[in-house]
Structure formats: C-alpha cells, structure tokens
Amino acid sequence: LLAIGLEFVMLGLMAFTLFYTEEEERMDKMLKKM
C-alpha cells in the first residue's frame, strides 16, 4: 500500500503539472518568425 500510495501521489502531481503546462507553439509559426 505504501508503494501504491507513493505512485498515486507522484502520478497525481504529474497530471496536475501537465494540466497547467503551456502548449508549445506551432512549428510553422516558429519557422515563419525565424
């Protein structure tokens, strides 16, 4: 249960972080600006 709880906490934190991670800019726009 300790190992399961540890993985639950880490995956929950990872999901929370990914939810607020900004999307990368489209490659075609980046190439156009370059």
PDB file of all heavy atoms in Angstrom:
ATOM      1  N   LEU A   1       0.824  -1.210   0.000  1.00  0.00           N
ATOM      2  CA  LEU A   1       0.000   0.000   0.000  1.00  0.00           C
ATOM      3  C   LEU A   1       0.856   1.258   0.000  1.00  0.00           C
ATOM      4  O   LEU A   1       0.497   2.269  -0.621  1.00  0.00           O
ATOM      5  CB  LEU A   1      -0.924  -0.004   1.221  1.00  0.00           C
ATOM      6  CG  LEU A   1      -2.037  -1.045   1.229  1.00  0.00           C
ATOM      7  CD1 LEU A   1      -2.806  -0.994   2.547  1.00  0.00           C
ATOM      8  CD2 LEU A   1      -2.986  -0.811   0.065  1.00  0.00           C
ATOM      9  N   LEU A   2       1.998   1.210   0.676  1.00  0.00           N
ATOM     10  CA  LEU A   2       2.909   2.352   0.668  1.00  0.00           C
ATOM     11  C   LEU A   2       3.427   2.636  -0.743  1.00  0.00           C
ATOM     12  O   LEU A   2       3.453   3.793  -1.195  1.00  0.00           O
ATOM     13  CB  LEU A   2       4.082   2.093   1.616  1.00  0.00           C
ATOM     14  CG  LEU A   2       5.203   3.142   1.593  1.00  0.00           C
ATOM     15  CD1 LEU A   2       4.683   4.495   2.063  1.00  0.00           C
ATOM     16  CD2 LEU A   2       6.383   2.696   2.444  1.00  0.00           C
ATOM     17  N   ALA A   3       3.840   1.586  -1.461  1.00  0.00           N
ATOM     18  CA  ALA A   3       4.330   1.766  -2.831  1.00  0.00           C
ATOM     19  C   ALA A   3       3.218   2.269  -3.752  1.00  0.00           C
ATOM     20  O   ALA A   3       3.446   3.150  -4.598  1.00  0.00           O
ATOM     21  CB  ALA A   3       4.897   0.451  -3.354  1.00  0.00           C
ATOM     22  N   ILE A   4       2.016   1.724  -3.584  1.00  0.00           N
ATOM     23  CA  ILE A   4       0.885   2.187  -4.396  1.00  0.00           C
ATOM     24  C   ILE A   4       0.562   3.645  -4.083  1.00  0.00           C
ATOM     25  O   ILE A   4       0.302   4.457  -4.984  1.00  0.00           O
ATOM     26  CB  ILE A   4      -0.344   1.298  -4.155  1.00  0.00           C
ATOM     27  CG1 ILE A   4      -0.070  -0.122  -4.662  1.00  0.00           C
ATOM     28  CG2 ILE A   4      -1.578   1.873  -4.838  1.00  0.00           C
ATOM     29  CD1 ILE A   4      -1.160  -1.111  -4.340  1.00  0.00           C
ATOM     30  N   GLY A   5       0.594   4.001  -2.802  1.00  0.00           N
ATOM     31  CA  GLY A   5       0.333   5.385  -2.422  1.00  0.00           C
ATOM     32  C   GLY A   5       1.376   6.341  -2.964  1.00  0.00           C
ATOM     33  O   GLY A   5       1.054   7.458  -3.398  1.00  0.00           O
ATOM     34  N   LEU A   6       2.646   5.924  -2.935  1.00  0.00           N
ATOM     35  CA  LEU A   6       3.715   6.756  -3.483  1.00  0.00           C
ATOM     36  C   LEU A   6       3.500   7.015  -4.961  1.00  0.00           C
ATOM     37  O   LEU A   6       3.607   8.165  -5.433  1.00  0.00           O
ATOM     38  CB  LEU A   6       5.067   6.078  -3.239  1.00  0.00           C
ATOM     39  CG  LEU A   6       6.287   6.754  -3.875  1.00  0.00           C
ATOM     40  CD1 LEU A   6       6.495   8.142  -3.295  1.00  0.00           C
ATOM     41  CD2 LEU A   6       7.544   5.898  -3.684  1.00  0.00           C
ATOM     42  N   GLU A   7       3.203   5.977  -5.711  1.00  0.00           N
ATOM     43  CA  GLU A   7       2.987   6.153  -7.148  1.00  0.00           C
ATOM     44  C   GLU A   7       1.729   6.977  -7.409  1.00  0.00           C
ATOM     45  O   GLU A   7       1.701   7.785  -8.352  1.00  0.00           O
ATOM     46  CB  GLU A   7       2.873   4.781  -7.821  1.00  0.00           C
ATOM     47  CG  GLU A   7       2.691   4.833  -9.328  1.00  0.00           C
ATOM     48  CD  GLU A   7       3.851   5.497 -10.047  1.00  0.00           C
ATOM     49  OE1 GLU A   7       4.888   5.794  -9.399  1.00  0.00           O
ATOM     50  OE2 GLU A   7       3.723   5.732 -11.261  1.00  0.00           O
ATOM     51  N   PHE A   8       0.706   6.803  -6.585  1.00  0.00           N
ATOM     52  CA  PHE A   8      -0.509   7.608  -6.737  1.00  0.00           C
ATOM     53  C   PHE A   8      -0.208   9.093  -6.551  1.00  0.00           C
ATOM     54  O   PHE A   8      -0.666   9.943  -7.334  1.00  0.00           O
ATOM     55  CB  PHE A   8      -1.561   7.145  -5.719  1.00  0.00           C
ATOM     56  CG  PHE A   8      -2.725   8.085  -5.595  1.00  0.00           C
ATOM     57  CD1 PHE A   8      -3.716   8.113  -6.562  1.00  0.00           C
ATOM     58  CD2 PHE A   8      -2.824   8.943  -4.499  1.00  0.00           C
ATOM     59  CE1 PHE A   8      -4.784   8.986  -6.448  1.00  0.00           C
ATOM     60  CE2 PHE A   8      -3.892   9.811  -4.377  1.00  0.00           C
ATOM     61  CZ  PHE A   8      -4.876   9.830  -5.356  1.00  0.00           C
ATOM     62  N   VAL A   9       0.563   9.416  -5.535  1.00  0.00           N
ATOM     63  CA  VAL A   9       0.905  10.828  -5.283  1.00  0.00           C
ATOM     64  C   VAL A   9       1.737  11.399  -6.419  1.00  0.00           C
ATOM     65  O   VAL A   9       1.497  12.520  -6.905  1.00  0.00           O
ATOM     66  CB  VAL A   9       1.647  10.956  -3.937  1.00  0.00           C
ATOM     67  CG1 VAL A   9       2.197  12.368  -3.758  1.00  0.00           C
ATOM     68  CG2 VAL A   9       0.713  10.610  -2.789  1.00  0.00           C
ATOM     69  N   MET A  10       2.732  10.637  -6.893  1.00  0.00           N
ATOM     70  CA  MET A  10       3.613  11.136  -7.948  1.00  0.00           C
ATOM     71  C   MET A  10       2.858  11.309  -9.268  1.00  0.00           C
ATOM     72  O   MET A  10       3.027  12.311  -9.970  1.00  0.00           O
ATOM     73  CB  MET A  10       4.786  10.178  -8.145  1.00  0.00           C
ATOM     74  CG  MET A  10       5.734  10.106  -6.960  1.00  0.00           C
ATOM     75  SD  MET A  10       6.537  11.686  -6.583  1.00  0.00           S
ATOM     76  CE  MET A  10       5.569  12.235  -5.173  1.00  0.00           C
ATOM     77  N   LEU A  11       2.024  10.332  -9.615  1.00  0.00           N
ATOM     78  CA  LEU A  11       1.251  10.452 -10.853  1.00  0.00           C
ATOM     79  C   LEU A  11       0.216  11.569 -10.755  1.00  0.00           C
ATOM     80  O   LEU A  11      -0.049  12.264 -11.742  1.00  0.00           O
ATOM     81  CB  LEU A  11       0.554   9.130 -11.177  1.00  0.00           C
ATOM     82  CG  LEU A  11       1.463   7.995 -11.672  1.00  0.00           C
ATOM     83  CD1 LEU A  11       0.644   6.739 -11.910  1.00  0.00           C
ATOM     84  CD2 LEU A  11       2.197   8.405 -12.949  1.00  0.00           C
ATOM     85  N   GLY A  12      -0.365  11.749  -9.565  1.00  0.00           N
ATOM     86  CA  GLY A  12      -1.291  12.860  -9.386  1.00  0.00           C
ATOM     87  C   GLY A  12      -0.605  14.205  -9.555  1.00  0.00           C
ATOM     88  O   GLY A  12      -1.133  15.118 -10.198  1.00  0.00           O
ATOM     89  N   LEU A  13       0.595  14.345  -8.987  1.00  0.00           N
ATOM     90  CA  LEU A  13       1.360  15.576  -9.151  1.00  0.00           C
ATOM     91  C   LEU A  13       1.757  15.792 -10.599  1.00  0.00           C
ATOM     92  O   LEU A  13       1.717  16.923 -11.114  1.00  0.00           O
ATOM     93  CB  LEU A  13       2.606  15.531  -8.256  1.00  0.00           C
ATOM     94  CG  LEU A  13       3.515  16.764  -8.291  1.00  0.00           C
ATOM     95  CD1 LEU A  13       2.760  18.005  -7.854  1.00  0.00           C
ATOM     96  CD2 LEU A  13       4.736  16.538  -7.401  1.00  0.00           C
ATOM     97  N   MET A  14       2.120  14.723 -11.285  1.00  0.00           N
ATOM     98  CA  MET A  14       2.484  14.835 -12.692  1.00  0.00           C
ATOM     99  C   MET A  14       1.282  15.258 -13.544  1.00  0.00           C
ATOM    100  O   MET A  14       1.410  16.100 -14.441  1.00  0.00           O
ATOM    101  CB  MET A  14       3.034  13.492 -13.187  1.00  0.00           C
ATOM    102  CG  MET A  14       3.561  13.518 -14.607  1.00  0.00           C
ATOM    103  SD  MET A  14       4.270  11.919 -15.071  1.00  0.00           S
ATOM    104  CE  MET A  14       4.784  12.272 -16.758  1.00  0.00           C
ATOM    105  N   ALA A  15       0.124  14.675 -13.272  1.00  0.00           N
ATOM    106  CA  ALA A  15      -1.085  15.049 -14.012  1.00  0.00           C
ATOM    107  C   ALA A  15      -1.448  16.508 -13.754  1.00  0.00           C
ATOM    108  O   ALA A  15      -1.835  17.242 -14.671  1.00  0.00           O
ATOM    109  CB  ALA A  15      -2.245  14.138 -13.611  1.00  0.00           C
ATOM    110  N   PHE A  16      -1.321  16.946 -12.507  1.00  0.00           N
ATOM    111  CA  PHE A  16      -1.611  18.334 -12.159  1.00  0.00           C
ATOM    112  C   PHE A  16      -0.650  19.285 -12.865  1.00  0.00           C
ATOM    113  O   PHE A  16      -1.047  20.356 -13.348  1.00  0.00           O
ATOM    114  CB  PHE A  16      -1.513  18.493 -10.646  1.00  0.00           C
ATOM    115  CG  PHE A  16      -2.012  19.807 -10.130  1.00  0.00           C
ATOM    116  CD1 PHE A  16      -3.348  20.116 -10.192  1.00  0.00           C
ATOM    117  CD2 PHE A  16      -1.134  20.721  -9.578  1.00  0.00           C
ATOM    118  CE1 PHE A  16      -3.824  21.332  -9.712  1.00  0.00           C
ATOM    119  CE2 PHE A  16      -1.593  21.940  -9.095  1.00  0.00           C
ATOM    120  CZ  PHE A  16      -2.941  22.246  -9.163  1.00  0.00           C
ATOM    121  N   THR A  17       0.614  18.892 -12.960  1.00  0.00           N
ATOM    122  CA  THR A  17       1.607  19.727 -13.638  1.00  0.00           C
ATOM    123  C   THR A  17       1.329  19.796 -15.138  1.00  0.00           C
ATOM    124  O   THR A  17       1.408  20.870 -15.742  1.00  0.00           O
ATOM    125  CB  THR A  17       3.015  19.170 -13.386  1.00  0.00           C
ATOM    126  OG1 THR A  17       3.252  19.108 -11.972  1.00  0.00           O
ATOM    127  CG2 THR A  17       4.076  20.047 -14.030  1.00  0.00           C
ATOM    128  N   LEU A  18       1.014  18.658 -15.734  1.00  0.00           N
ATOM    129  CA  LEU A  18       0.726  18.642 -17.170  1.00  0.00           C
ATOM    130  C   LEU A  18      -0.520  19.461 -17.506  1.00  0.00           C
ATOM    131  O   LEU A  18      -0.603  20.062 -18.581  1.00  0.00           O
ATOM    132  CB  LEU A  18       0.553  17.202 -17.660  1.00  0.00           C
ATOM    133  CG  LEU A  18       1.812  16.354 -17.720  1.00  0.00           C
ATOM    134  CD1 LEU A  18       1.478  14.916 -18.120  1.00  0.00           C
ATOM    135  CD2 LEU A  18       2.816  16.937 -18.711  1.00  0.00           C
ATOM    136  N   PHE A  19      -1.479  19.492 -16.588  1.00  0.00           N
ATOM    137  CA  PHE A  19      -2.710  20.251 -16.836  1.00  0.00           C
ATOM    138  C   PHE A  19      -2.407  21.732 -17.012  1.00  0.00           C
ATOM    139  O   PHE A  19      -3.074  22.421 -17.802  1.00  0.00           O
ATOM    140  CB  PHE A  19      -3.680  20.039 -15.668  1.00  0.00           C
ATOM    141  CG  PHE A  19      -4.981  20.768 -15.823  1.00  0.00           C
ATOM    142  CD1 PHE A  19      -5.989  20.251 -16.620  1.00  0.00           C
ATOM    143  CD2 PHE A  19      -5.190  21.972 -15.161  1.00  0.00           C
ATOM    144  CE1 PHE A  19      -7.188  20.931 -16.767  1.00  0.00           C
ATOM    145  CE2 PHE A  19      -6.393  22.648 -15.301  1.00  0.00           C
ATOM    146  CZ  PHE A  19      -7.391  22.124 -16.112  1.00  0.00           C
ATOM    147  N   TYR A  20      -1.405  22.249 -16.303  1.00  0.00           N
ATOM    148  CA  TYR A  20      -1.073  23.666 -16.377  1.00  0.00           C
ATOM    149  C   TYR A  20       0.122  23.959 -17.278  1.00  0.00           C
ATOM    150  O   TYR A  20       0.565  25.107 -17.359  1.00  0.00           O
ATOM    151  CB  TYR A  20      -0.781  24.211 -14.969  1.00  0.00           C
ATOM    152  CG  TYR A  20      -2.023  24.402 -14.143  1.00  0.00           C
ATOM    153  CD1 TYR A  20      -2.370  23.493 -13.157  1.00  0.00           C
ATOM    154  CD2 TYR A  20      -2.864  25.483 -14.358  1.00  0.00           C
ATOM    155  CE1 TYR A  20      -3.517  23.669 -12.386  1.00  0.00           C
ATOM    156  CE2 TYR A  20      -4.010  25.669 -13.601  1.00  0.00           C
ATOM    157  CZ  TYR A  20      -4.329  24.757 -12.611  1.00  0.00           C
ATOM    158  OH  TYR A  20      -5.467  24.931 -11.856  1.00  0.00           O
ATOM    159  N   THR A  21       0.657  22.945 -17.935  1.00  0.00           N
ATOM    160  CA  THR A  21       1.783  23.171 -18.847  1.00  0.00           C
ATOM    161  C   THR A  21       1.272  23.806 -20.131  1.00  0.00           C
ATOM    162  O   THR A  21       0.310  23.337 -20.729  1.00  0.00           O
ATOM    163  CB  THR A  21       2.494  21.848 -19.161  1.00  0.00           C
ATOM    164  OG1 THR A  21       2.970  21.271 -17.932  1.00  0.00           O
ATOM    165  CG2 THR A  21       3.676  22.085 -20.096  1.00  0.00           C
ATOM    166  N   GLU A  22       1.934  24.870 -20.555  1.00  0.00           N
ATOM    167  CA  GLU A  22       1.514  25.579 -21.758  1.00  0.00           C
ATOM    168  C   GLU A  22       1.828  24.746 -23.001  1.00  0.00           C
ATOM    169  O   GLU A  22       2.850  24.057 -23.065  1.00  0.00           O
ATOM    170  CB  GLU A  22       2.226  26.928 -21.869  1.00  0.00           C
ATOM    171  CG  GLU A  22       1.839  27.912 -20.772  1.00  0.00           C
ATOM    172  CD  GLU A  22       0.399  28.347 -20.873  1.00  0.00           C
ATOM    173  OE1 GLU A  22      -0.167  28.267 -21.987  1.00  0.00           O
ATOM    174  OE2 GLU A  22      -0.176  28.757 -19.853  1.00  0.00           O
ATOM    175  N   GLU A  23       0.932  24.828 -23.986  1.00  0.00           N
ATOM    176  CA  GLU A  23       1.153  24.149 -25.253  1.00  0.00           C
ATOM    177  C   GLU A  23       2.310  24.806 -25.998  1.00  0.00           C
ATOM    178  O   GLU A  23       2.489  26.017 -25.960  1.00  0.00           O
ATOM    179  CB  GLU A  23      -0.106  24.217 -26.118  1.00  0.00           C
ATOM    180  CG  GLU A  23      -1.307  23.482 -25.537  1.00  0.00           C
ATOM    181  CD  GLU A  23      -1.127  21.970 -25.577  1.00  0.00           C
ATOM    182  OE1 GLU A  23      -0.292  21.497 -26.370  1.00  0.00           O
ATOM    183  OE2 GLU A  23      -1.817  21.280 -24.817  1.00  0.00           O
ATOM    184  N   GLU A  24       3.109  23.969 -26.674  1.00  0.00           N
ATOM    185  CA  GLU A  24       4.204  24.508 -27.460  1.00  0.00           C
ATOM    186  C   GLU A  24       3.669  25.211 -28.700  1.00  0.00           C
ATOM    187  O   GLU A  24       2.632  24.843 -29.254  1.00  0.00           O
ATOM    188  CB  GLU A  24       5.174  23.398 -27.866  1.00  0.00           C
ATOM    189  CG  GLU A  24       5.887  22.751 -26.683  1.00  0.00           C
ATOM    190  CD  GLU A  24       6.891  21.722 -27.139  1.00  0.00           C
ATOM    191  OE1 GLU A  24       6.997  21.517 -28.361  1.00  0.00           O
ATOM    192  OE2 GLU A  24       7.556  21.132 -26.273  1.00  0.00           O
ATOM    193  N   GLU A  25       4.404  26.235 -29.104  1.00  0.00           N
ATOM    194  CA  GLU A  25       3.977  26.984 -30.277  1.00  0.00           C
ATOM    195  C   GLU A  25       4.100  26.122 -31.529  1.00  0.00           C
ATOM    196  O   GLU A  25       4.994  25.286 -31.640  1.00  0.00           O
ATOM    197  CB  GLU A  25       4.835  28.248 -30.421  1.00  0.00           C
ATOM    198  CG  GLU A  25       4.301  29.228 -31.425  1.00  0.00           C
ATOM    199  CD  GLU A  25       5.085  30.540 -31.413  1.00  0.00           C
ATOM    200  OE1 GLU A  25       6.038  30.633 -30.638  1.00  0.00           O
ATOM    201  OE2 GLU A  25       4.730  31.439 -32.175  1.00  0.00           O
ATOM    202  N   ARG A  26       3.174  26.336 -32.450  1.00  0.00           N
ATOM    203  CA  ARG A  26       3.189  25.557 -33.682  1.00  0.00           C
ATOM    204  C   ARG A  26       4.504  25.749 -34.431  1.00  0.00           C
ATOM    205  O   ARG A  26       5.051  26.838 -34.513  1.00  0.00           O
ATOM    206  CB  ARG A  26       2.033  26.002 -34.577  1.00  0.00           C
ATOM    207  CG  ARG A  26       0.686  25.472 -34.158  1.00  0.00           C
ATOM    208  CD  ARG A  26      -0.420  26.092 -34.968  1.00  0.00           C
ATOM    209  NE  ARG A  26      -0.109  26.088 -36.393  1.00  0.00           N
ATOM    210  CZ  ARG A  26      -0.894  26.668 -37.305  1.00  0.00           C
ATOM    211  NH1 ARG A  26      -1.985  27.293 -36.938  1.00  0.00           N
ATOM    212  NH2 ARG A  26      -0.561  26.623 -38.573  1.00  0.00           N
ATOM    213  N   MET A  27       4.994  24.644 -35.015  1.00  0.00           N
ATOM    214  CA  MET A  27       6.291  24.673 -35.674  1.00  0.00           C
ATOM    215  C   MET A  27       6.294  25.600 -36.884  1.00  0.00           C
ATOM    216  O   MET A  27       7.292  26.280 -37.151  1.00  0.00           O
ATOM    217  CB  MET A  27       6.682  23.253 -36.085  1.00  0.00           C
ATOM    218  CG  MET A  27       8.079  23.149 -36.691  1.00  0.00           C
ATOM    219  SD  MET A  27       9.371  23.737 -35.550  1.00  0.00           S
ATOM    220  CE  MET A  27       9.227  22.474 -34.281  1.00  0.00           C
ATOM    221  N   ASP A  28       5.177  25.661 -37.639  1.00  0.00           N
ATOM    222  CA  ASP A  28       5.161  26.508 -38.821  1.00  0.00           C
ATOM    223  C   ASP A  28       5.278  27.981 -38.454  1.00  0.00           C
ATOM    224  O   ASP A  28       5.950  28.760 -39.141  1.00  0.00           O
ATOM    225  CB  ASP A  28       3.897  26.251 -39.640  1.00  0.00           C
ATOM    226  CG  ASP A  28       2.632  26.483 -38.821  1.00  0.00           C
ATOM    227  OD1 ASP A  28       2.743  26.502 -37.574  1.00  0.00           O
ATOM    228  OD2 ASP A  28       1.561  26.648 -39.420  1.00  0.00           O
ATOM    229  N   LYS A  29       4.653  28.368 -37.310  1.00  0.00           N
ATOM    230  CA  LYS A  29       4.774  29.752 -36.884  1.00  0.00           C
ATOM    231  C   LYS A  29       6.195  30.069 -36.426  1.00  0.00           C
ATOM    232  O   LYS A  29       6.729  31.144 -36.703  1.00  0.00           O
ATOM    233  CB  LYS A  29       3.790  30.037 -35.746  1.00  0.00           C
ATOM    234  CG  LYS A  29       2.339  30.089 -36.190  1.00  0.00           C
ATOM    235  CD  LYS A  29       1.460  30.548 -35.049  1.00  0.00           C
ATOM    236  CE  LYS A  29       0.009  30.704 -35.501  1.00  0.00           C
ATOM    237  NZ  LYS A  29      -0.857  31.209 -34.407  1.00  0.00           N
ATOM    238  N   MET A  30       6.811  29.133 -35.738  1.00  0.00           N
ATOM    239  CA  MET A  30       8.183  29.339 -35.288  1.00  0.00           C
ATOM    240  C   MET A  30       9.128  29.491 -36.474  1.00  0.00           C
ATOM    241  O   MET A  30      10.004  30.360 -36.489  1.00  0.00           O
ATOM    242  CB  MET A  30       8.622  28.179 -34.399  1.00  0.00           C
ATOM    243  CG  MET A  30       7.851  28.071 -33.094  1.00  0.00           C
ATOM    244  SD  MET A  30       8.340  26.652 -32.096  1.00  0.00           S
ATOM    245  CE  MET A  30      10.050  27.052 -31.771  1.00  0.00           C
ATOM    246  N   LEU A  31       8.941  28.656 -37.489  1.00  0.00           N
ATOM    247  CA  LEU A  31       9.787  28.751 -38.676  1.00  0.00           C
ATOM    248  C   LEU A  31       9.559  30.069 -39.400  1.00  0.00           C
ATOM    249  O   LEU A  31      10.507  30.666 -39.922  1.00  0.00           O
ATOM    250  CB  LEU A  31       9.504  27.570 -39.609  1.00  0.00           C
ATOM    251  CG  LEU A  31       9.913  26.193 -39.083  1.00  0.00           C
ATOM    252  CD1 LEU A  31       9.467  25.102 -40.059  1.00  0.00           C
ATOM    253  CD2 LEU A  31      11.413  26.117 -38.868  1.00  0.00           C
ATOM    254  N   LYS A  32       8.299  30.518 -39.440  1.00  0.00           N
ATOM    255  CA  LYS A  32       7.996  31.785 -40.109  1.00  0.00           C
ATOM    256  C   LYS A  32       8.691  32.948 -39.395  1.00  0.00           C
ATOM    257  O   LYS A  32       9.279  33.838 -40.041  1.00  0.00           O
ATOM    258  CB  LYS A  32       6.491  32.006 -40.121  1.00  0.00           C
ATOM    259  CG  LYS A  32       6.050  33.318 -40.765  1.00  0.00           C
ATOM    260  CD  LYS A  32       6.407  33.353 -42.250  1.00  0.00           C
ATOM    261  CE  LYS A  32       5.756  34.543 -42.955  1.00  0.00           C
ATOM    262  NZ  LYS A  32       6.091  35.825 -42.343  1.00  0.00           N
ATOM    263  N   LYS A  33       8.660  32.945 -38.062  1.00  0.00           N
ATOM    264  CA  LYS A  33       9.300  34.025 -37.324  1.00  0.00           C
ATOM    265  C   LYS A  33      10.819  33.968 -37.460  1.00  0.00           C
ATOM    266  O   LYS A  33      11.493  35.001 -37.544  1.00  0.00           O
ATOM    267  CB  LYS A  33       8.893  33.957 -35.851  1.00  0.00           C
ATOM    268  CG  LYS A  33       7.425  34.303 -35.647  1.00  0.00           C
ATOM    269  CD  LYS A  33       6.996  34.114 -34.213  1.00  0.00           C
ATOM    270  CE  LYS A  33       5.514  34.429 -34.057  1.00  0.00           C
ATOM    271  NZ  LYS A  33       5.033  34.232 -32.682  1.00  0.00           N
ATOM    272  N   MET A  34      11.386  32.771 -37.506  1.00  0.00           N
ATOM    273  CA  MET A  34      12.822  32.645 -37.731  1.00  0.00           C
ATOM    274  C   MET A  34      13.191  33.153 -39.116  1.00  0.00           C
ATOM    275  O   MET A  34      14.215  33.816 -39.307  1.00  0.00           O
ATOM    276  CB  MET A  34      13.244  31.186 -37.553  1.00  0.00           C
ATOM    277  CG  MET A  34      13.131  30.667 -36.132  1.00  0.00           C
ATOM    278  SD  MET A  34      13.458  28.896 -35.990  1.00  0.00           S
ATOM    279  CE  MET A  34      15.143  28.859 -36.579  1.00  0.00           C
TER     280      MET A  34
END
